[in-house]
Amino acid sequence: TLGTQTDYRDGEAQTDPYSPEYIVRSGSVPELLTLATLTWGRGLPAGLEEMAMIDRAREKRAWEASLPPMDSPSNTTKRLKMMEEMERKEWAFREQEIEKLQKVRLEVLKKMLQRREENQDKVDAKRLCEHWQNRQRAREEKIKKIRHDCALMLRKLIANRKNMMGKLNRRDIIKEYTDFSSETYAPLSRIGFFPDNNSDFYVVKNFYLNTFAGLCELEASLPDSVIQLKIKAPKPKCIITKTGFIRRSARLEADLAQVHR
């Protein structure tokens, strides 16, 4: 439940295992020194590969101990044959390691290529979806324009059908004023009339309501009976009748108040 604060960061603390100093006796080769190249996080703690490396090192030391001395031509020839055989084994082992590493790299490359193909497929699908949406939007706009043009042409055909003979129709003013949907009452904007342009013309503009001086003058012109309010106190309800009895409504209100309490 208590906290501590130090002068050092957590990253500056010792986190790797401690490796003490050592002194090698003369004439001795400890087997543990073969692992001196391994450090914590880079080979330690030892896994399967490190154990196989330790076994190979032990086999190689045993093989070196079994080599015959070079004191005679026969022993020298035998030693050379053994060394050539061991060299072929080491080359074969190195080739296996290289093949294994190449397989691992090939698998990584396959995964990277597969991931790139998946990302490219996602990008292609997104582009295709956007292109399809744009085409659908263009199609809807084109259909809307075609319908608008169709309605316009139908209105023109209907208007031409009304006057197929091409007679000149005089203006009927009485008919225009009796029909409240005519252009006399509701002119069209395409002929140059915009009803919202002169909307401020109908706004009431009063000096006494829109300016402070007008409000002061209006207040001064009002009588005192309008400005100074006179409130009359309400009369109490009479709960007693002329004969001196309590009214039934008053008794009922008293009973209700008692029940409420």
C-alpha atoms as a PDB file:
ATOM      1  CA  THR A   1       0.000   0.000   0.000  1.00  0.00           C
ATOM      2  CA  LEU A   2       3.056   2.269   0.051  1.00  0.00           C
ATOM      3  CA  GLY A   3       4.964   3.726  -2.877  1.00  0.00           C
ATOM      4  CA  THR A   4       8.621   4.633  -3.204  1.00  0.00           C
ATOM      5  CA  GLN A   5      10.387   7.150  -5.363  1.00  0.00           C
ATOM      6  CA  THR A   6      14.054   6.824  -6.303  1.00  0.00           C
ATOM      7  CA  ASP A   7      16.594   8.892  -8.195  1.00  0.00           C
ATOM      8  CA  TYR A   8      16.776   6.334 -11.029  1.00  0.00           C
ATOM      9  CA  ARG A   9      14.414   5.226 -13.748  1.00  0.00           C
ATOM     10  CA  ASP A  10      13.146   1.657 -14.019  1.00  0.00           C
ATOM     11  CA  GLY A  11      15.067   1.296 -17.297  1.00  0.00           C
ATOM     12  CA  GLU A  12      18.347   1.979 -15.494  1.00  0.00           C
ATOM     13  CA  ALA A  13      17.870  -0.921 -13.077  1.00  0.00           C
ATOM     14  CA  GLN A  14      19.774  -4.202 -13.531  1.00  0.00           C
ATOM     15  CA  THR A  15      17.438  -6.599 -15.348  1.00  0.00           C
ATOM     16  CA  ASP A  16      19.856  -9.122 -16.963  1.00  0.00           C
ATOM     17  CA  PRO A  17      21.270 -12.007 -14.888  1.00  0.00           C
ATOM     18  CA  TYR A  18      24.614 -11.259 -13.275  1.00  0.00           C
ATOM     19  CA  SER A  19      27.698 -12.881 -14.835  1.00  0.00           C
ATOM     20  CA  PRO A  20      30.548 -12.970 -12.292  1.00  0.00           C
ATOM     21  CA  GLU A  21      34.193 -12.729 -13.172  1.00  0.00           C
ATOM     22  CA  TYR A  22      36.173 -15.966 -13.498  1.00  0.00           C
ATOM     23  CA  ILE A  23      39.812 -17.175 -13.721  1.00  0.00           C
ATOM     24  CA  VAL A  24      40.812 -20.196 -15.833  1.00  0.00           C
ATOM     25  CA  ARG A  25      43.429 -22.464 -14.358  1.00  0.00           C
ATOM     26  CA  SER A  26      46.448 -23.212 -16.479  1.00  0.00           C
ATOM     27  CA  GLY A  27      46.164 -26.444 -18.466  1.00  0.00           C
ATOM     28  CA  SER A  28      42.354 -26.743 -18.073  1.00  0.00           C
ATOM     29  CA  VAL A  29      39.671 -25.972 -20.642  1.00  0.00           C
ATOM     30  CA  PRO A  30      36.268 -25.841 -18.921  1.00  0.00           C
ATOM     31  CA  GLU A  31      33.343 -26.928 -21.057  1.00  0.00           C
ATOM     32  CA  LEU A  32      31.320 -23.979 -19.787  1.00  0.00           C
ATOM     33  CA  LEU A  33      33.598 -21.560 -21.665  1.00  0.00           C
ATOM     34  CA  THR A  34      32.122 -22.861 -24.955  1.00  0.00           C
ATOM     35  CA  LEU A  35      28.944 -20.980 -24.017  1.00  0.00           C
ATOM     36  CA  ALA A  36      30.719 -17.692 -23.355  1.00  0.00           C
ATOM     37  CA  THR A  37      29.382 -16.278 -26.641  1.00  0.00           C
ATOM     38  CA  LEU A  38      25.790 -16.789 -25.496  1.00  0.00           C
ATOM     39  CA  THR A  39      24.179 -13.977 -23.529  1.00  0.00           C
ATOM     40  CA  TRP A  40      20.802 -13.378 -21.998  1.00  0.00           C
ATOM     41  CA  GLY A  41      18.281 -12.852 -24.764  1.00  0.00           C
ATOM     42  CA  ARG A  42      20.727 -14.086 -27.423  1.00  0.00           C
ATOM     43  CA  GLY A  43      20.941 -17.831 -26.848  1.00  0.00           C
ATOM     44  CA  LEU A  44      20.087 -17.894 -23.153  1.00  0.00           C
ATOM     45  CA  PRO A  45      18.011 -19.454 -21.727  1.00  0.00           C
ATOM     46  CA  ALA A  46      19.077 -22.328 -23.983  1.00  0.00           C
ATOM     47  CA  GLY A  47      16.548 -23.861 -26.365  1.00  0.00           C
ATOM     48  CA  LEU A  48      16.560 -26.809 -28.749  1.00  0.00           C
ATOM     49  CA  GLU A  49      19.001 -25.177 -31.172  1.00  0.00           C
ATOM     50  CA  GLU A  50      21.435 -24.278 -28.391  1.00  0.00           C
ATOM     51  CA  MET A  51      21.248 -27.823 -26.986  1.00  0.00           C
ATOM     52  CA  ALA A  52      22.020 -29.266 -30.435  1.00  0.00           C
ATOM     53  CA  MET A  53      24.970 -26.875 -30.741  1.00  0.00           C
ATOM     54  CA  ILE A  54      26.291 -28.008 -27.338  1.00  0.00           C
ATOM     55  CA  ASP A  55      25.970 -31.668 -28.384  1.00  0.00           C
ATOM     56  CA  ARG A  56      27.867 -30.996 -31.613  1.00  0.00           C
ATOM     57  CA  ALA A  57      30.617 -29.214 -29.710  1.00  0.00           C
ATOM     58  CA  ARG A  58      30.933 -32.177 -27.354  1.00  0.00           C
ATOM     59  CA  GLU A  59      31.076 -34.630 -30.262  1.00  0.00           C
ATOM     60  CA  LYS A  60      33.732 -32.485 -31.960  1.00  0.00           C
ATOM     61  CA  ARG A  61      35.867 -32.386 -28.814  1.00  0.00           C
ATOM     62  CA  ALA A  62      35.529 -36.169 -28.462  1.00  0.00           C
ATOM     63  CA  TRP A  63      36.497 -36.546 -32.109  1.00  0.00           C
ATOM     64  CA  GLU A  64      39.520 -34.289 -31.661  1.00  0.00           C
ATOM     65  CA  ALA A  65      40.605 -36.387 -28.682  1.00  0.00           C
ATOM     66  CA  SER A  66      40.299 -39.574 -30.776  1.00  0.00           C
ATOM     67  CA  LEU A  67      42.558 -38.313 -33.572  1.00  0.00           C
ATOM     68  CA  PRO A  68      45.727 -40.339 -33.903  1.00  0.00           C
ATOM     69  CA  PRO A  69      49.045 -38.573 -33.340  1.00  0.00           C
ATOM     70  CA  MET A  70      51.192 -37.552 -36.310  1.00  0.00           C
ATOM     71  CA  ASP A  71      54.162 -39.714 -35.400  1.00  0.00           C
ATOM     72  CA  SER A  72      54.108 -42.043 -38.422  1.00  0.00           C
ATOM     73  CA  PRO A  73      53.065 -41.880 -42.074  1.00  0.00           C
ATOM     74  CA  SER A  74      50.194 -44.335 -41.487  1.00  0.00           C
ATOM     75  CA  ASN A  75      48.827 -42.291 -38.614  1.00  0.00           C
ATOM     76  CA  THR A  76      49.167 -39.100 -40.656  1.00  0.00           C
ATOM     77  CA  THR A  77      47.232 -40.633 -43.539  1.00  0.00           C
ATOM     78  CA  LYS A  78      44.556 -41.896 -41.173  1.00  0.00           C
ATOM     79  CA  ARG A  79      44.349 -38.465 -39.511  1.00  0.00           C
ATOM     80  CA  LEU A  80      43.922 -36.742 -42.880  1.00  0.00           C
ATOM     81  CA  LYS A  81      41.139 -39.167 -43.871  1.00  0.00           C
ATOM     82  CA  MET A  82      39.327 -38.576 -40.587  1.00  0.00           C
ATOM     83  CA  MET A  83      39.675 -34.811 -40.994  1.00  0.00           C
ATOM     84  CA  GLU A  84      38.360 -34.927 -44.567  1.00  0.00           C
ATOM     85  CA  GLU A  85      35.394 -37.042 -43.470  1.00  0.00           C
ATOM     86  CA  MET A  86      34.620 -34.609 -40.622  1.00  0.00           C
ATOM     87  CA  GLU A  87      34.921 -31.687 -43.026  1.00  0.00           C
ATOM     88  CA  ARG A  88      32.417 -33.329 -45.391  1.00  0.00           C
ATOM     89  CA  LYS A  89      30.046 -33.856 -42.463  1.00  0.00           C
ATOM     90  CA  GLU A  90      30.406 -30.217 -41.419  1.00  0.00           C
ATOM     91  CA  TRP A  91      29.748 -29.038 -44.990  1.00  0.00           C
ATOM     92  CA  ALA A  92      26.665 -31.266 -45.188  1.00  0.00           C
ATOM     93  CA  PHE A  93      25.436 -29.902 -41.860  1.00  0.00           C
ATOM     94  CA  ARG A  94      26.016 -26.327 -43.018  1.00  0.00           C
ATOM     95  CA  GLU A  95      24.091 -27.039 -46.211  1.00  0.00           C
ATOM     96  CA  GLN A  96      21.196 -28.379 -44.149  1.00  0.00           C
ATOM     97  CA  GLU A  97      21.272 -25.259 -41.992  1.00  0.00           C
ATOM     98  CA  ILE A  98      21.311 -23.063 -45.111  1.00  0.00           C
ATOM     99  CA  GLU A  99      18.382 -24.990 -46.597  1.00  0.00           C
ATOM    100  CA  LYS A 100      16.460 -24.688 -43.335  1.00  0.00           C
ATOM    101  CA  LEU A 101      17.140 -20.940 -43.215  1.00  0.00           C
ATOM    102  CA  GLN A 102      16.082 -20.595 -46.849  1.00  0.00           C
ATOM    103  CA  LYS A 103      12.839 -22.459 -46.108  1.00  0.00           C
ATOM    104  CA  VAL A 104      12.130 -20.123 -43.206  1.00  0.00           C
ATOM    105  CA  ARG A 105      12.868 -17.087 -45.378  1.00  0.00           C
ATOM    106  CA  LEU A 106      10.690 -18.545 -48.134  1.00  0.00           C
ATOM    107  CA  GLU A 107       7.797 -18.986 -45.704  1.00  0.00           C
ATOM    108  CA  VAL A 108       8.230 -15.421 -44.484  1.00  0.00           C
ATOM    109  CA  LEU A 109       8.310 -14.203 -48.082  1.00  0.00           C
ATOM    110  CA  LYS A 110       5.152 -16.180 -48.881  1.00  0.00           C
ATOM    111  CA  LYS A 111       3.369 -14.662 -45.892  1.00  0.00           C
ATOM    112  CA  MET A 112       4.495 -11.174 -46.901  1.00  0.00           C
ATOM    113  CA  LEU A 113       3.328 -11.736 -50.486  1.00  0.00           C
ATOM    114  CA  GLN A 114       0.021 -13.127 -49.258  1.00  0.00           C
ATOM    115  CA  ARG A 115      -0.443 -10.153 -46.941  1.00  0.00           C
ATOM    116  CA  ARG A 116       0.399  -7.773 -49.800  1.00  0.00           C
ATOM    117  CA  GLU A 117      -2.098  -9.529 -52.070  1.00  0.00           C
ATOM    118  CA  GLU A 118      -4.773  -9.300 -49.380  1.00  0.00           C
ATOM    119  CA  ASN A 119      -4.091  -5.589 -48.902  1.00  0.00           C
ATOM    120  CA  GLN A 120      -4.142  -5.075 -52.673  1.00  0.00           C
ATOM    121  CA  ASP A 121      -7.434  -6.978 -52.897  1.00  0.00           C
ATOM    122  CA  LYS A 122      -8.876  -4.724 -50.190  1.00  0.00           C
ATOM    123  CA  VAL A 123      -7.706  -1.625 -52.052  1.00  0.00           C
ATOM    124  CA  ASP A 124      -9.119  -2.954 -55.344  1.00  0.00           C
ATOM    125  CA  ALA A 125     -12.429  -3.799 -53.674  1.00  0.00           C
ATOM    126  CA  LYS A 126     -12.599  -0.311 -52.148  1.00  0.00           C
ATOM    127  CA  ARG A 127     -11.840   1.330 -55.497  1.00  0.00           C
ATOM    128  CA  LEU A 128     -14.409  -0.878 -57.232  1.00  0.00           C
ATOM    129  CA  CYS A 129     -17.022   0.028 -54.600  1.00  0.00           C
ATOM    130  CA  GLU A 130     -16.274   3.742 -54.993  1.00  0.00           C
ATOM    131  CA  HIS A 131     -16.435   3.435 -58.792  1.00  0.00           C
ATOM    132  CA  TRP A 132     -19.737   1.554 -58.528  1.00  0.00           C
ATOM    133  CA  GLN A 133     -21.156   4.228 -56.208  1.00  0.00           C
ATOM    134  CA  ASN A 134     -20.059   6.980 -58.607  1.00  0.00           C
ATOM    135  CA  ARG A 135     -21.670   5.134 -61.512  1.00  0.00           C
ATOM    136  CA  GLN A 136     -24.869   4.651 -59.502  1.00  0.00           C
ATOM    137  CA  ARG A 137     -24.893   8.350 -58.583  1.00  0.00           C
ATOM    138  CA  ALA A 138     -24.377   9.344 -62.218  1.00  0.00           C
ATOM    139  CA  ARG A 139     -27.121   6.916 -63.245  1.00  0.00           C
ATOM    140  CA  GLU A 140     -29.571   8.401 -60.722  1.00  0.00           C
ATOM    141  CA  GLU A 141     -28.730  11.937 -61.845  1.00  0.00           C
ATOM    142  CA  LYS A 142     -29.212  10.946 -65.484  1.00  0.00           C
ATOM    143  CA  ILE A 143     -32.566   9.294 -64.705  1.00  0.00           C
ATOM    144  CA  LYS A 144     -33.639  12.395 -62.779  1.00  0.00           C
ATOM    145  CA  LYS A 145     -32.702  14.645 -65.699  1.00  0.00           C
ATOM    146  CA  ILE A 146     -34.554  12.372 -68.156  1.00  0.00           C
ATOM    147  CA  ARG A 147     -37.682  12.454 -65.987  1.00  0.00           C
ATOM    148  CA  HIS A 148     -37.451  16.232 -65.665  1.00  0.00           C
ATOM    149  CA  ASP A 149     -37.093  16.613 -69.429  1.00  0.00           C
ATOM    150  CA  CYS A 150     -39.977  14.174 -69.944  1.00  0.00           C
ATOM    151  CA  ALA A 151     -42.254  16.184 -67.633  1.00  0.00           C
ATOM    152  CA  LEU A 152     -41.242  19.382 -69.420  1.00  0.00           C
ATOM    153  CA  MET A 153     -41.989  17.908 -72.834  1.00  0.00           C
ATOM    154  CA  LEU A 154     -45.324  16.558 -71.602  1.00  0.00           C
ATOM    155  CA  ARG A 155     -46.303  20.002 -70.338  1.00  0.00           C
ATOM    156  CA  LYS A 156     -45.349  21.490 -73.701  1.00  0.00           C
ATOM    157  CA  LEU A 157     -47.347  18.856 -75.558  1.00  0.00           C
ATOM    158  CA  ILE A 158     -50.374  19.428 -73.315  1.00  0.00           C
ATOM    159  CA  ALA A 159     -50.086  23.195 -73.828  1.00  0.00           C
ATOM    160  CA  ASN A 160     -49.820  22.743 -77.608  1.00  0.00           C
ATOM    161  CA  ARG A 161     -52.754  20.328 -77.627  1.00  0.00           C
ATOM    162  CA  LYS A 162     -55.004  22.888 -76.019  1.00  0.00           C
ATOM    163  CA  ASN A 163     -54.512  25.183 -79.000  1.00  0.00           C
ATOM    164  CA  MET A 164     -54.003  22.817 -81.919  1.00  0.00           C
ATOM    165  CA  MET A 165     -55.508  25.208 -84.478  1.00  0.00           C
ATOM    166  CA  GLY A 166     -53.116  27.989 -83.507  1.00  0.00           C
ATOM    167  CA  LYS A 167     -55.831  30.508 -82.714  1.00  0.00           C
ATOM    168  CA  LEU A 168     -54.900  33.716 -80.963  1.00  0.00           C
ATOM    169  CA  ASN A 169     -56.377  33.757 -77.467  1.00  0.00           C
ATOM    170  CA  ARG A 170     -57.062  37.162 -76.040  1.00  0.00           C
ATOM    171  CA  ARG A 171     -56.386  37.920 -72.432  1.00  0.00           C
ATOM    172  CA  ASP A 172     -59.351  37.253 -70.151  1.00  0.00           C
ATOM    173  CA  ILE A 173     -58.827  39.583 -67.198  1.00  0.00           C
ATOM    174  CA  ILE A 174     -62.006  38.479 -65.422  1.00  0.00           C
ATOM    175  CA  LYS A 175     -60.920  34.849 -65.538  1.00  0.00           C
ATOM    176  CA  GLU A 176     -57.458  35.720 -64.224  1.00  0.00           C
ATOM    177  CA  TYR A 177     -58.856  37.594 -61.220  1.00  0.00           C
ATOM    178  CA  THR A 178     -61.482  34.953 -60.435  1.00  0.00           C
ATOM    179  CA  ASP A 179     -58.850  32.168 -60.468  1.00  0.00           C
ATOM    180  CA  PHE A 180     -56.715  32.584 -57.350  1.00  0.00           C
ATOM    181  CA  SER A 181     -54.064  30.203 -58.749  1.00  0.00           C
ATOM    182  CA  SER A 182     -53.380  32.433 -61.738  1.00  0.00           C
ATOM    183  CA  GLU A 183     -50.250  34.506 -62.206  1.00  0.00           C
ATOM    184  CA  THR A 184     -52.123  37.588 -61.032  1.00  0.00           C
ATOM    185  CA  TYR A 185     -52.117  36.299 -57.456  1.00  0.00           C
ATOM    186  CA  ALA A 186     -49.144  33.886 -57.660  1.00  0.00           C
ATOM    187  CA  PRO A 187     -46.655  35.084 -60.269  1.00  0.00           C
ATOM    188  CA  LEU A 188     -43.907  32.660 -61.271  1.00  0.00           C
ATOM    189  CA  SER A 189     -40.246  33.238 -60.496  1.00  0.00           C
ATOM    190  CA  ARG A 190     -39.186  32.219 -64.013  1.00  0.00           C
ATOM    191  CA  ILE A 191     -40.798  35.340 -65.405  1.00  0.00           C
ATOM    192  CA  GLY A 192     -38.705  37.570 -63.133  1.00  0.00           C
ATOM    193  CA  PHE A 193     -40.796  37.868 -59.957  1.00  0.00           C
ATOM    194  CA  PHE A 194     -39.272  36.867 -56.639  1.00  0.00           C
ATOM    195  CA  PRO A 195     -41.703  37.337 -53.728  1.00  0.00           C
ATOM    196  CA  ASP A 196     -38.999  37.161 -51.041  1.00  0.00           C
ATOM    197  CA  ASN A 197     -37.087  40.163 -52.348  1.00  0.00           C
ATOM    198  CA  ASN A 198     -39.529  42.734 -50.923  1.00  0.00           C
ATOM    199  CA  SER A 199     -40.386  40.868 -47.739  1.00  0.00           C
ATOM    200  CA  ASP A 200     -39.115  43.778 -45.572  1.00  0.00           C
ATOM    201  CA  PHE A 201     -41.792  45.991 -47.080  1.00  0.00           C
ATOM    202  CA  TYR A 202     -44.483  44.394 -44.897  1.00  0.00           C
ATOM    203  CA  VAL A 203     -42.508  44.580 -41.663  1.00  0.00           C
ATOM    204  CA  VAL A 204     -44.051  47.011 -39.162  1.00  0.00           C
ATOM    205  CA  LYS A 205     -41.567  49.765 -38.286  1.00  0.00           C
ATOM    206  CA  ASN A 206     -42.660  51.908 -35.377  1.00  0.00           C
ATOM    207  CA  PHE A 207     -40.667  54.710 -33.770  1.00  0.00           C
ATOM    208  CA  TYR A 208     -42.177  54.061 -30.366  1.00  0.00           C
ATOM    209  CA  LEU A 209     -41.303  50.345 -30.377  1.00  0.00           C
ATOM    210  CA  ASN A 210     -37.916  50.187 -32.122  1.00  0.00           C
ATOM    211  CA  THR A 211     -36.055  53.054 -30.405  1.00  0.00           C
ATOM    212  CA  PHE A 212     -35.239  53.823 -26.789  1.00  0.00           C
ATOM    213  CA  ALA A 213     -36.382  57.442 -27.105  1.00  0.00           C
ATOM    214  CA  GLY A 214     -39.715  56.280 -28.470  1.00  0.00           C
ATOM    215  CA  LEU A 215     -40.153  53.849 -25.578  1.00  0.00           C
ATOM    216  CA  CYS A 216     -39.411  56.639 -23.078  1.00  0.00           C
ATOM    217  CA  GLU A 217     -41.924  58.933 -24.779  1.00  0.00           C
ATOM    218  CA  LEU A 218     -44.529  56.177 -24.876  1.00  0.00           C
ATOM    219  CA  GLU A 219     -44.001  55.436 -21.186  1.00  0.00           C
ATOM    220  CA  ALA A 220     -44.355  59.132 -20.326  1.00  0.00           C
ATOM    221  CA  SER A 221     -47.656  59.369 -22.224  1.00  0.00           C
ATOM    222  CA  LEU A 222     -49.242  56.489 -20.298  1.00  0.00           C
ATOM    223  CA  PRO A 223     -51.385  57.328 -17.223  1.00  0.00           C
ATOM    224  CA  ASP A 224     -50.326  56.396 -13.713  1.00  0.00           C
ATOM    225  CA  SER A 225     -53.098  53.824 -13.435  1.00  0.00           C
ATOM    226  CA  VAL A 226     -51.408  51.741 -16.130  1.00  0.00           C
ATOM    227  CA  ILE A 227     -47.872  51.968 -14.719  1.00  0.00           C
ATOM    228  CA  GLN A 228     -48.618  51.741 -10.996  1.00  0.00           C
ATOM    229  CA  LEU A 229     -50.534  48.591 -10.296  1.00  0.00           C
ATOM    230  CA  LYS A 230     -53.031  48.409  -7.447  1.00  0.00           C
ATOM    231  CA  ILE A 231     -53.588  44.928  -6.078  1.00  0.00           C
ATOM    232  CA  LYS A 232     -56.574  44.310  -3.869  1.00  0.00           C
ATOM    233  CA  ALA A 233     -56.237  41.716  -1.180  1.00  0.00           C
ATOM    234  CA  PRO A 234     -58.659  38.833  -1.637  1.00  0.00           C
ATOM    235  CA  LYS A 235     -61.471  38.531   0.892  1.00  0.00           C
ATOM    236  CA  PRO A 236     -61.457  35.420   3.051  1.00  0.00           C
ATOM    237  CA  LYS A 237     -64.047  32.825   2.307  1.00  0.00           C
ATOM    238  CA  CYS A 238     -67.053  32.865   4.477  1.00  0.00           C
ATOM    239  CA  ILE A 239     -67.437  29.418   6.041  1.00  0.00           C
ATOM    240  CA  ILE A 240     -70.249  30.311   8.440  1.00  0.00           C
ATOM    241  CA  THR A 241     -73.833  30.707   7.309  1.00  0.00           C
ATOM    242  CA  LYS A 242     -76.152  33.496   8.377  1.00  0.00           C
ATOM    243  CA  THR A 243     -77.709  31.246  10.992  1.00  0.00           C
ATOM    244  CA  GLY A 244     -74.308  30.568  12.611  1.00  0.00           C
ATOM    245  CA  PHE A 245     -73.638  27.059  11.288  1.00  0.00           C
ATOM    246  CA  ILE A 246     -70.531  25.890   9.451  1.00  0.00           C
ATOM    247  CA  ARG A 247     -71.057  25.246   5.791  1.00  0.00           C
ATOM    248  CA  ARG A 248     -70.903  21.684   4.470  1.00  0.00           C
ATOM    249  CA  SER A 249     -68.043  22.506   2.051  1.00  0.00           C
ATOM    250  CA  ALA A 250     -65.968  23.916   4.932  1.00  0.00           C
ATOM    251  CA  ARG A 251     -66.542  20.764   7.009  1.00  0.00           C
ATOM    252  CA  LEU A 252     -65.560  18.628   4.051  1.00  0.00           C
ATOM    253  CA  GLU A 253     -62.344  20.638   3.524  1.00  0.00           C
ATOM    254  CA  ALA A 254     -61.485  20.282   7.237  1.00  0.00           C
ATOM    255  CA  ASP A 255     -62.069  16.502   7.075  1.00  0.00           C
ATOM    256  CA  LEU A 256     -59.875  16.260   3.976  1.00  0.00           C
ATOM    257  CA  ALA A 257     -57.092  18.271   5.609  1.00  0.00           C
ATOM    258  CA  GLN A 258     -57.209  16.014   8.694  1.00  0.00           C
ATOM    259  CA  VAL A 259     -57.063  12.897   6.546  1.00  0.00           C
ATOM    260  CA  HIS A 260     -54.161  14.366   4.587  1.00  0.00           C
ATOM    261  CA  ARG A 261     -52.239  15.055   7.816  1.00  0.00           C
END
